[in-house]
């Protein structure tokens, strides 16, 4: 080195020292470490899956992100915005980090996006909803890999099958609960199924008043008490009809004897059979009624003053109409609670005693006072009547003397009558009951079914 004449020796020395120092120094490059972490928002791995990224890289100045299958596929930001995976699958998030020294590093993380998870189910019922009820479950859930069925009162009580079958036998509401999972998330839903009781079988019957004595012929009104049955078959040997599929038919039992009534009830689950017997007596051609109350004039609305043997009942004021008017055998007229003026009246003459006229009324011959025309039937004779033929010797002759009213001085009193169609009958007055305007008499009645 040639010394410049313009430099001082000290300056020259400093320059030489600096040159020596710089010649000995070695430049070092900065290493790059690519690093990041991810977080699935709400820990929800069912699509759409939203992922937050935290950059933890060191020594880097530039960043290249690639997002396989995401809504945004790349980014050069140091901290990119959250990304979304809309379809199920396994995806890679890759970071390439570098600096100006040419140092580069990469890191890759896989993200698994599961199918969307939803829970739902239905069922297919085998047959009716009558016990026992069998259900084939129809799993309509999405994105699940695990299933738990809980059947309240069912058999089985639980199942892990995807589409199990269950049987309910107990009537009532049963809760069916389905819980699904994809290994990360769990969802549940429940529904209720109603089971009707198993079929029961029972029946009874009624008869019209005219058949209360169960003397042939008897018309039975069968009353079906079965439940949850869909079809019926009645079999009654000797009856008319002998077979019926009506739910509650009427059957005629034409002759005396014991009849077996068989009912077979069926539904789609089972068939049950029940039988009962009814005995029909020989026909005596006699109807008997006991302890019938007939009110005085003022008790017509509360007790009733008209009687029908065909209907087997007392008909009160306001109950008389075009249908039952012709079926009334007689009327009782009591003037007041003293019972000093009483008489039985033909239905077509009630308007003469203060009643409203009966529509389609028949004419009945009446003997109120046998003592005035000659006693034909005593109280003991009334009690002895056990056949319609027993009226053969009795002659009901309509006269003013016989129709005359009576008092309560003689108890019992026998009143005779004969209807338009020729049926003869007798009334036995057993008691006069004083109860103000609600006073009444108590009677027994016997009348022929046919003339």
Protein backbone atom coordinates (compact mmCIF):
# COMPACT_ATOMS: atom_id res chain seq x y z
CA UNK A 1 0.00 0.00 0.00
CA UNK A 2 1.42 3.37 -1.06
CA UNK A 3 0.84 6.11 1.50
CA UNK A 4 -1.08 9.07 0.18
CA UNK A 5 0.73 12.18 1.03
CA UNK A 6 -2.55 13.82 2.00
CA UNK A 7 -3.46 11.19 4.72
CA UNK A 8 -2.12 11.26 8.21
CA UNK A 9 -0.49 8.22 9.62
CA UNK A 10 -3.31 7.65 12.16
CA UNK A 11 -5.95 7.71 9.48
CA UNK A 12 -4.00 5.26 7.44
CA UNK A 13 -3.70 2.93 10.40
CA UNK A 14 -7.46 2.94 11.09
CA UNK A 15 -8.16 2.16 7.45
CA UNK A 16 -5.74 -0.76 7.43
CA UNK A 17 -7.27 -2.19 10.60
CA UNK A 18 -10.82 -1.90 9.16
CA UNK A 19 -9.78 -3.66 5.98
CA UNK A 20 -8.21 -6.47 7.94
CA UNK A 21 -11.38 -6.84 10.14
CA UNK A 22 -13.82 -6.86 7.24
CA UNK A 23 -11.79 -9.39 5.36
CA UNK A 24 -12.04 -11.76 8.31
CA UNK A 25 -15.90 -11.46 9.01
CA UNK A 26 -18.27 -14.23 7.60
CA UNK A 27 -21.96 -13.29 6.78
CA UNK A 28 -24.55 -15.77 8.42
CA UNK A 29 -28.06 -16.51 6.85
CA UNK A 30 -31.31 -16.67 8.96
CA UNK A 31 -32.97 -20.11 9.07
CA UNK A 32 -36.73 -20.56 8.36
CA UNK A 33 -39.07 -22.77 10.43
CA UNK A 34 -42.53 -23.22 8.92
CA UNK A 35 -45.10 -23.88 11.63
CA UNK A 36 -48.84 -23.32 12.17
CA UNK A 37 -51.79 -24.74 14.06
CA UNK A 38 -55.46 -25.05 13.17
CA UNK A 39 -58.71 -24.89 15.11
CA UNK A 40 -62.06 -26.21 13.87
CA UNK A 41 -64.63 -23.62 14.90
CA UNK A 42 -67.10 -24.95 17.47
CA UNK A 43 -65.32 -28.29 17.13
CA UNK A 44 -67.85 -29.01 14.37
CA UNK A 45 -66.32 -31.42 11.88
CA UNK A 46 -69.56 -31.78 9.90
CA UNK A 47 -69.62 -29.88 6.66
CA UNK A 48 -69.41 -27.03 6.24
CA UNK A 49 -66.23 -27.15 8.36
CA UNK A 50 -64.73 -23.76 9.22
CA UNK A 51 -61.03 -23.69 10.18
CA UNK A 52 -59.02 -20.94 11.89
CA UNK A 53 -55.22 -20.88 11.21
CA UNK A 54 -52.55 -19.59 13.59
CA UNK A 55 -49.11 -18.98 12.01
CA UNK A 56 -46.23 -19.98 14.32
CA UNK A 57 -43.42 -19.81 11.77
CA UNK A 58 -40.02 -18.24 12.58
CA UNK A 59 -37.35 -16.61 10.32
CA UNK A 60 -39.75 -16.29 7.44
CA UNK A 61 -40.62 -13.20 5.48
CA UNK A 62 -42.93 -14.61 2.83
CA UNK A 63 -45.67 -17.20 3.04
CA UNK A 64 -47.41 -19.33 0.49
CA UNK A 65 -50.54 -21.11 1.69
CA UNK A 66 -52.46 -23.73 -0.27
CA UNK A 67 -55.84 -24.99 0.86
CA UNK A 68 -56.82 -28.20 -0.91
CA UNK A 69 -60.60 -28.30 -1.47
CA UNK A 70 -61.35 -25.16 0.52
CA UNK A 71 -63.53 -22.25 -0.52
CA UNK A 72 -60.31 -20.21 -0.86
CA UNK A 73 -57.51 -22.31 -2.33
CA UNK A 74 -54.43 -20.10 -1.62
CA UNK A 75 -53.14 -17.11 0.31
CA UNK A 76 -49.88 -15.15 0.80
CA UNK A 77 -50.96 -13.54 4.02
CA UNK A 78 -49.00 -14.25 7.12
CA UNK A 79 -52.25 -15.03 8.98
CA UNK A 80 -54.92 -15.97 6.47
CA UNK A 81 -58.63 -15.59 7.12
CA UNK A 82 -60.61 -18.68 8.27
CA UNK A 83 -61.24 -21.13 5.47
CA UNK A 84 -64.25 -23.37 4.82
CA UNK A 85 -64.56 -26.93 3.52
CA UNK A 86 -68.00 -27.45 2.05
CA UNK A 87 -67.83 -31.12 1.07
CA UNK A 88 -66.86 -34.16 3.15
CA UNK A 89 -63.36 -35.52 2.67
CA UNK A 90 -59.72 -35.38 3.83
CA UNK A 91 -57.92 -32.17 2.84
CA UNK A 92 -54.40 -30.75 3.18
CA UNK A 93 -53.41 -27.31 4.39
CA UNK A 94 -49.82 -26.55 3.27
CA UNK A 95 -47.53 -23.67 4.28
CA UNK A 96 -44.35 -22.78 2.40
CA UNK A 97 -42.34 -20.20 4.38
CA UNK A 98 -39.20 -18.44 3.04
CA UNK A 99 -36.95 -15.39 3.52
CA UNK A 100 -34.61 -13.23 1.42
CA UNK A 101 -31.66 -15.47 2.24
CA UNK A 102 -33.33 -18.12 0.16
CA UNK A 103 -34.19 -20.31 3.12
CA UNK A 104 -37.44 -22.30 2.69
CA UNK A 105 -39.43 -24.63 4.90
CA UNK A 106 -42.85 -26.30 4.57
CA UNK A 107 -45.46 -27.81 6.84
CA UNK A 108 -48.66 -29.74 6.08
CA UNK A 109 -51.70 -30.57 8.21
CA UNK A 110 -54.61 -32.76 7.17
CA UNK A 111 -58.21 -31.83 7.95
CA UNK A 112 -61.04 -34.36 7.87
CA UNK A 113 -64.47 -32.92 7.04
CA UNK A 114 -67.33 -35.27 7.89
CA UNK A 115 -70.61 -35.47 6.10
CA UNK A 116 -73.33 -33.23 7.52
CA UNK A 117 -74.97 -34.90 10.53
CA UNK A 118 -78.75 -34.84 10.93
CA UNK A 119 -80.96 -37.13 12.95
CA UNK A 120 -84.39 -38.31 11.85
CA UNK A 121 -86.36 -41.52 11.56
CA UNK A 122 -89.71 -42.99 10.67
CA UNK A 123 -91.19 -46.46 10.82
CA UNK A 124 -93.21 -48.94 8.85
CA UNK A 125 -96.00 -50.54 10.87
CA UNK A 126 -96.73 -54.16 10.09
CA UNK A 127 -100.52 -54.35 10.10
CA UNK A 128 -102.71 -52.30 12.42
CA UNK A 129 -101.88 -50.30 15.54
CA UNK A 130 -103.63 -52.87 17.73
CA UNK A 131 -101.37 -54.76 20.18
CA UNK A 132 -99.05 -56.46 19.45
CA UNK A 133 -97.56 -53.76 17.19
CA UNK A 134 -94.44 -54.50 15.14
CA UNK A 135 -92.44 -51.58 13.75
CA UNK A 136 -89.62 -51.72 11.21
CA UNK A 137 -87.55 -48.61 11.88
CA UNK A 138 -86.53 -46.45 8.93
CA UNK A 139 -83.38 -44.50 9.79
CA UNK A 140 -83.33 -41.22 7.86
CA UNK A 141 -80.28 -39.78 9.66
CA UNK A 142 -77.27 -38.46 7.72
CA UNK A 143 -73.56 -38.54 8.48
CA UNK A 144 -73.75 -40.97 11.40
CA UNK A 145 -71.56 -43.96 12.06
CA UNK A 146 -73.06 -45.03 15.39
CA UNK A 147 -76.70 -45.53 16.41
CA UNK A 148 -78.49 -46.05 19.69
CA UNK A 149 -82.22 -46.80 19.68
CA UNK A 150 -84.18 -46.73 22.93
CA UNK A 151 -87.68 -48.26 22.87
CA UNK A 152 -89.80 -47.41 25.91
CA UNK A 153 -91.73 -50.59 26.71
CA UNK A 154 -90.55 -52.29 23.54
CA UNK A 155 -88.81 -55.54 22.77
CA UNK A 156 -85.87 -55.15 22.43
CA UNK A 157 -85.48 -52.20 24.80
CA UNK A 158 -82.39 -50.91 22.92
CA UNK A 159 -80.57 -51.55 19.66
CA UNK A 160 -77.44 -50.38 17.85
CA UNK A 161 -78.63 -51.53 14.45
CA UNK A 162 -79.18 -48.94 11.78
CA UNK A 163 -82.73 -50.11 11.01
CA UNK A 164 -83.92 -52.41 13.81
CA UNK A 165 -87.33 -54.01 14.37
CA UNK A 166 -89.26 -53.60 17.62
CA UNK A 167 -92.48 -55.06 19.08
CA UNK A 168 -94.81 -53.24 21.52
CA UNK A 169 -97.48 -55.20 23.40
CA UNK A 170 -98.49 -52.79 26.17
CA UNK A 171 -101.29 -50.36 25.22
CA UNK A 172 -100.62 -46.64 25.38
CA UNK A 173 -97.97 -44.16 24.24
CA UNK A 174 -94.38 -45.37 23.81
CA UNK A 175 -91.38 -43.08 23.25
CA UNK A 176 -88.86 -44.09 20.60
CA UNK A 177 -85.52 -42.26 20.93
CA UNK A 178 -82.67 -42.31 18.41
CA UNK A 179 -79.18 -41.04 19.28
CA UNK A 180 -76.59 -40.85 16.49
CA UNK A 181 -72.88 -40.01 16.43
CA UNK A 182 -70.10 -39.66 13.90
CA UNK A 183 -67.41 -40.11 16.58
CA UNK A 184 -67.16 -36.39 17.27
CA UNK A 185 -70.72 -35.14 17.45
CA UNK A 186 -73.88 -36.58 18.98
CA UNK A 187 -77.50 -35.78 18.15
CA UNK A 188 -80.81 -37.16 19.44
CA UNK A 189 -84.48 -37.04 18.55
CA UNK A 190 -87.57 -38.88 19.74
CA UNK A 191 -91.09 -39.66 18.59
CA UNK A 192 -94.15 -41.32 20.14
CA UNK A 193 -96.16 -44.28 18.89
CA UNK A 194 -99.59 -45.16 20.29
CA UNK A 195 -100.55 -48.79 20.71
CA UNK A 196 -104.21 -49.73 21.01
CA UNK A 197 -105.22 -52.50 23.43
CA UNK A 198 -105.39 -56.06 22.20
CA UNK A 199 -108.73 -57.30 20.96
CA UNK A 200 -111.32 -58.27 23.55
CA UNK A 201 -114.47 -60.26 22.89
CA UNK A 202 -117.80 -60.02 24.70
CA UNK A 203 -121.48 -59.58 24.00
CA UNK A 204 -124.89 -59.46 25.65
CA UNK A 205 -128.43 -58.98 24.42
CA UNK A 206 -131.72 -57.28 25.14
CA UNK A 207 -135.30 -58.14 24.30
CA UNK A 208 -138.36 -56.01 23.73
CA UNK A 209 -140.86 -55.71 26.57
CA UNK A 210 -143.15 -58.18 24.88
CA UNK A 211 -140.37 -60.79 25.11
CA UNK A 212 -139.37 -60.15 28.72
CA UNK A 213 -140.83 -63.51 29.68
CA UNK A 214 -138.53 -65.26 27.18
CA UNK A 215 -141.45 -67.23 25.81
CA UNK A 216 -141.21 -68.35 22.21
CA UNK A 217 -140.82 -66.71 19.82
CA UNK A 218 -138.16 -64.34 21.20
CA UNK A 219 -136.41 -61.60 19.26
CA UNK A 220 -132.89 -61.02 20.60
CA UNK A 221 -131.09 -57.74 19.98
CA UNK A 222 -127.45 -58.85 20.16
CA UNK A 223 -125.13 -56.22 21.57
CA UNK A 224 -121.50 -56.69 20.49
CA UNK A 225 -119.12 -55.51 23.24
CA UNK A 226 -115.91 -56.61 21.50
CA UNK A 227 -113.13 -54.07 21.07
CA UNK A 228 -110.53 -53.63 18.34
CA UNK A 229 -111.99 -56.34 16.15
CA UNK A 230 -112.56 -55.77 12.45
CA UNK A 231 -114.85 -58.64 11.44
CA UNK A 232 -117.48 -60.70 13.21
CA UNK A 233 -119.26 -63.98 12.63
CA UNK A 234 -122.31 -65.02 14.65
CA UNK A 235 -123.52 -68.62 14.63
CA UNK A 236 -126.82 -69.61 16.34
CA UNK A 237 -128.10 -73.02 15.36
CA UNK A 238 -131.89 -73.01 15.04
CA UNK A 239 -132.17 -69.22 14.98
CA UNK A 240 -133.28 -67.00 12.12
CA UNK A 241 -130.80 -66.11 10.74
CA UNK A 242 -128.51 -68.94 11.81
CA UNK A 243 -125.37 -67.05 10.66
CA UNK A 244 -124.68 -63.31 10.54
CA UNK A 245 -121.65 -61.10 9.94
CA UNK A 246 -123.34 -57.92 11.18
CA UNK A 247 -121.65 -56.33 14.21
CA UNK A 248 -124.83 -56.48 16.33
CA UNK A 249 -127.62 -58.36 14.56
CA UNK A 250 -131.18 -59.11 15.60
CA UNK A 251 -132.00 -62.82 15.69
CA UNK A 252 -135.29 -64.62 16.14
CA UNK A 253 -135.51 -67.71 18.36
CA UNK A 254 -138.71 -69.32 17.09
CA UNK A 255 -139.25 -72.23 19.46
CA UNK A 256 -138.71 -73.26 23.05
CA UNK A 257 -135.27 -74.65 23.84
CA UNK A 258 -131.70 -73.70 24.74
CA UNK A 259 -129.75 -71.88 22.06
CA UNK A 260 -125.96 -71.49 21.92
CA UNK A 261 -124.82 -68.14 20.59
CA UNK A 262 -121.26 -68.21 19.22
CA UNK A 263 -119.37 -65.03 18.33
CA UNK A 264 -116.05 -65.14 16.48
CA UNK A 265 -114.21 -61.79 16.41
CA UNK A 266 -111.16 -61.25 14.23
CA UNK A 267 -108.54 -58.62 13.46
CA UNK A 268 -105.23 -58.77 11.60
CA UNK A 269 -103.47 -60.05 14.73
CA UNK A 270 -105.72 -62.74 16.19
CA UNK A 271 -109.10 -64.47 16.33
CA UNK A 272 -111.15 -65.03 19.49
CA UNK A 273 -114.34 -67.01 20.07
CA UNK A 274 -116.96 -66.67 22.81
CA UNK A 275 -120.20 -68.54 23.33
CA UNK A 276 -123.18 -68.01 25.62
CA UNK A 277 -126.51 -69.74 26.02
CA UNK A 278 -130.09 -68.46 26.24
CA UNK A 279 -133.15 -70.50 27.14
CA UNK A 280 -136.50 -69.86 25.48
CA UNK A 281 -139.60 -71.07 27.29
CA UNK A 282 -142.78 -72.48 25.83
CA UNK A 283 -145.26 -69.82 24.85
CA UNK A 284 -148.08 -69.22 27.38
CA UNK A 285 -149.46 -66.30 25.39
CA UNK A 286 -149.32 -64.12 28.50
CA UNK A 287 -147.47 -60.94 29.38
CA UNK A 288 -147.03 -60.06 33.05
CA UNK A 289 -145.95 -56.73 34.55
CA UNK A 290 -145.45 -56.04 38.26
CA UNK A 291 -145.45 -52.91 40.43
CA UNK A 292 -146.37 -50.49 37.67
CA UNK A 293 -146.97 -46.92 38.84
CA UNK A 294 -149.80 -44.91 37.25
CA UNK A 295 -150.24 -41.31 38.35
CA UNK A 296 -153.33 -39.25 38.99
CA UNK A 297 -154.26 -36.56 36.49
CA UNK A 298 -151.76 -34.02 37.88
CA UNK A 299 -148.92 -36.59 37.89
CA UNK A 300 -149.11 -37.35 34.17
CA UNK A 301 -145.85 -35.49 33.44
CA UNK A 302 -143.87 -36.95 36.34
CA UNK A 303 -145.33 -40.46 36.74
CA UNK A 304 -147.43 -41.04 33.63
CA UNK A 305 -151.00 -42.21 33.11
CA UNK A 306 -150.90 -44.25 29.86
CA UNK A 307 -149.71 -47.87 29.54
CA UNK A 308 -148.54 -49.94 26.56
CA UNK A 309 -148.09 -53.69 26.98
CA UNK A 310 -146.37 -53.90 23.58
CA UNK A 311 -143.76 -51.36 24.71
CA UNK A 312 -143.83 -52.65 28.29
CA UNK A 313 -143.82 -49.17 29.77
CA UNK A 314 -145.80 -46.24 31.13
CA UNK A 315 -146.00 -43.33 28.71
CA UNK A 316 -145.91 -39.87 30.25
CA UNK A 317 -147.29 -36.53 29.15
CA UNK A 318 -145.16 -35.16 26.31
CA UNK A 319 -143.99 -38.65 25.27
CA UNK A 320 -147.08 -39.50 23.23
CA UNK A 321 -146.60 -39.24 19.46
CA UNK A 322 -147.83 -40.62 16.15
CA UNK A 323 -145.67 -43.73 16.56
CA UNK A 324 -146.63 -44.94 20.03
CA UNK A 325 -150.19 -43.59 20.19
CA UNK A 326 -151.68 -46.73 18.60
CA UNK A 327 -149.76 -48.94 21.05
CA UNK A 328 -151.37 -47.55 24.22
CA UNK A 329 -153.74 -50.14 25.79
CA UNK A 330 -155.44 -47.93 28.38
CA UNK A 331 -155.22 -44.75 30.45
CA UNK A 332 -155.72 -44.19 34.18
CA UNK A 333 -157.59 -41.10 35.32
CA UNK A 334 -157.41 -40.16 38.99
CA UNK A 335 -159.15 -36.90 39.82
CA UNK A 336 -156.93 -35.96 42.78
CA UNK A 337 -154.92 -37.32 45.69
CA UNK A 338 -158.05 -38.27 47.66
CA UNK A 339 -158.65 -41.11 45.17
CA UNK A 340 -162.43 -40.65 45.48
CA UNK A 341 -162.87 -40.63 41.69
CA UNK A 342 -160.81 -43.03 39.60
CA UNK A 343 -161.33 -44.90 36.37
CA UNK A 344 -159.48 -46.65 33.58
CA UNK A 345 -160.31 -45.12 30.20
CA UNK A 346 -160.11 -46.27 26.59
CA UNK A 347 -157.29 -44.48 24.70
CA UNK A 348 -159.75 -42.97 22.20
CA UNK A 349 -161.76 -41.37 25.03
CA UNK A 350 -159.03 -39.74 27.16
CA UNK A 351 -159.93 -36.27 25.86
CA UNK A 352 -163.24 -36.61 27.73
CA UNK A 353 -161.43 -36.77 31.08
CA UNK A 354 -159.07 -33.82 30.70
CA UNK A 355 -156.16 -35.43 28.80
CA UNK A 356 -155.02 -34.32 25.36
CA UNK A 357 -156.33 -36.64 22.67
CA UNK A 358 -153.99 -39.53 21.75
CA UNK A 359 -153.05 -39.68 18.04
CA UNK A 360 -154.04 -42.92 16.29
CA UNK A 361 -155.72 -44.05 19.50
CA UNK A 362 -157.36 -47.49 19.66
CA UNK A 363 -160.60 -48.39 21.46
CA UNK A 364 -160.36 -50.57 24.55
CA UNK A 365 -163.34 -51.98 26.42
CA UNK A 366 -162.99 -51.50 30.19
CA UNK A 367 -164.76 -52.88 33.27
CA UNK A 368 -163.75 -50.65 36.20
CA UNK A 369 -166.42 -51.87 38.61
CA UNK A 370 -167.01 -55.61 38.37
CA UNK A 371 -169.26 -55.29 41.41
CA UNK A 372 -171.75 -53.43 39.20
CA UNK A 373 -171.90 -56.03 36.41
CA UNK A 374 -170.90 -59.28 38.07
CA UNK A 375 -167.44 -60.30 39.21
CA UNK A 376 -165.68 -62.52 36.69
CA UNK A 377 -162.11 -62.36 38.09
CA UNK A 378 -161.15 -62.12 41.75
CA UNK A 379 -157.77 -61.12 43.22
CA UNK A 380 -156.92 -64.78 43.78
CA UNK A 381 -158.03 -65.57 40.25
CA UNK A 382 -155.72 -62.84 38.94
CA UNK A 383 -152.78 -64.37 40.78
CA UNK A 384 -153.61 -67.77 39.31
CA UNK A 385 -153.47 -66.54 35.70
CA UNK A 386 -150.48 -68.20 34.05
CA UNK A 387 -151.65 -68.53 30.47
CA UNK A 388 -153.42 -66.44 27.91
CA UNK A 389 -155.92 -69.26 27.60
CA UNK A 390 -157.06 -68.52 31.16
CA UNK A 391 -158.88 -65.43 29.82
CA UNK A 392 -161.11 -67.58 27.60
CA UNK A 393 -163.96 -67.70 30.11
CA UNK A 394 -163.87 -63.96 30.81
CA UNK A 395 -166.28 -61.79 28.86
CA UNK A 396 -165.38 -58.09 28.74
CA UNK A 397 -168.72 -56.44 27.98
CA UNK A 398 -168.64 -52.66 27.69
CA UNK A 399 -171.47 -51.03 29.67
CA UNK A 400 -171.92 -47.72 31.43
CA UNK A 401 -172.25 -49.51 34.73
CA UNK A 402 -169.04 -51.41 34.17
CA UNK A 403 -167.20 -48.25 33.10
CA UNK A 404 -168.30 -46.31 36.18
CA UNK A 405 -165.51 -44.86 38.37
CA UNK A 406 -164.36 -46.31 41.68
CA UNK A 407 -162.86 -45.10 44.97
CA UNK A 408 -159.97 -46.36 47.05
CA UNK A 409 -162.27 -48.11 49.48
CA UNK A 410 -161.59 -51.60 48.13
CA UNK A 411 -158.02 -52.93 47.81
CA UNK A 412 -157.10 -54.94 45.86
CA UNK A 413 -159.37 -54.14 42.93
CA UNK A 414 -159.41 -56.05 39.63
CA UNK A 415 -160.13 -54.11 36.44
CA UNK A 416 -160.77 -56.00 33.18
CA UNK A 417 -160.06 -54.76 29.66
CA UNK A 418 -160.00 -55.93 26.04
CA UNK A 419 -158.13 -54.11 23.24
CA UNK A 420 -159.35 -53.50 19.70
CA UNK A 421 -157.36 -56.47 18.37
CA UNK A 422 -159.12 -58.79 20.84
CA UNK A 423 -156.44 -59.22 23.51
CA UNK A 424 -157.90 -59.56 26.99
CA UNK A 425 -156.20 -58.32 30.13
CA UNK A 426 -156.60 -57.63 33.83
CA UNK A 427 -155.25 -54.93 36.15
CA UNK A 428 -154.76 -55.56 39.87
CA UNK A 429 -154.70 -52.34 41.91
CA UNK A 430 -152.55 -53.11 44.95
CA UNK A 431 -152.06 -49.71 46.56
CA UNK A 432 -153.14 -46.08 46.47
CA UNK A 433 -150.18 -43.83 47.31
CA UNK A 434 -150.98 -40.30 48.47
CA UNK A 435 -148.27 -37.83 47.49
CA UNK A 436 -150.07 -34.56 46.76
CA UNK A 437 -150.19 -33.76 43.05
CA UNK A 438 -147.70 -36.62 42.49
CA UNK A 439 -150.00 -39.29 43.91
CA UNK A 440 -150.24 -42.63 42.12
CA UNK A 441 -151.53 -46.19 42.22
CA UNK A 442 -149.42 -49.36 42.13
CA UNK A 443 -150.70 -52.16 39.89
CA UNK A 444 -149.86 -55.55 38.38
CA UNK A 445 -150.96 -56.22 34.82
CA UNK A 446 -151.54 -59.46 32.87
CA UNK A 447 -152.54 -59.39 29.22
CA UNK A 448 -152.70 -61.81 26.32
CA UNK A 449 -150.03 -61.57 23.59
CA UNK A 450 -152.53 -62.71 21.01
CA UNK A 451 -156.34 -62.90 21.12
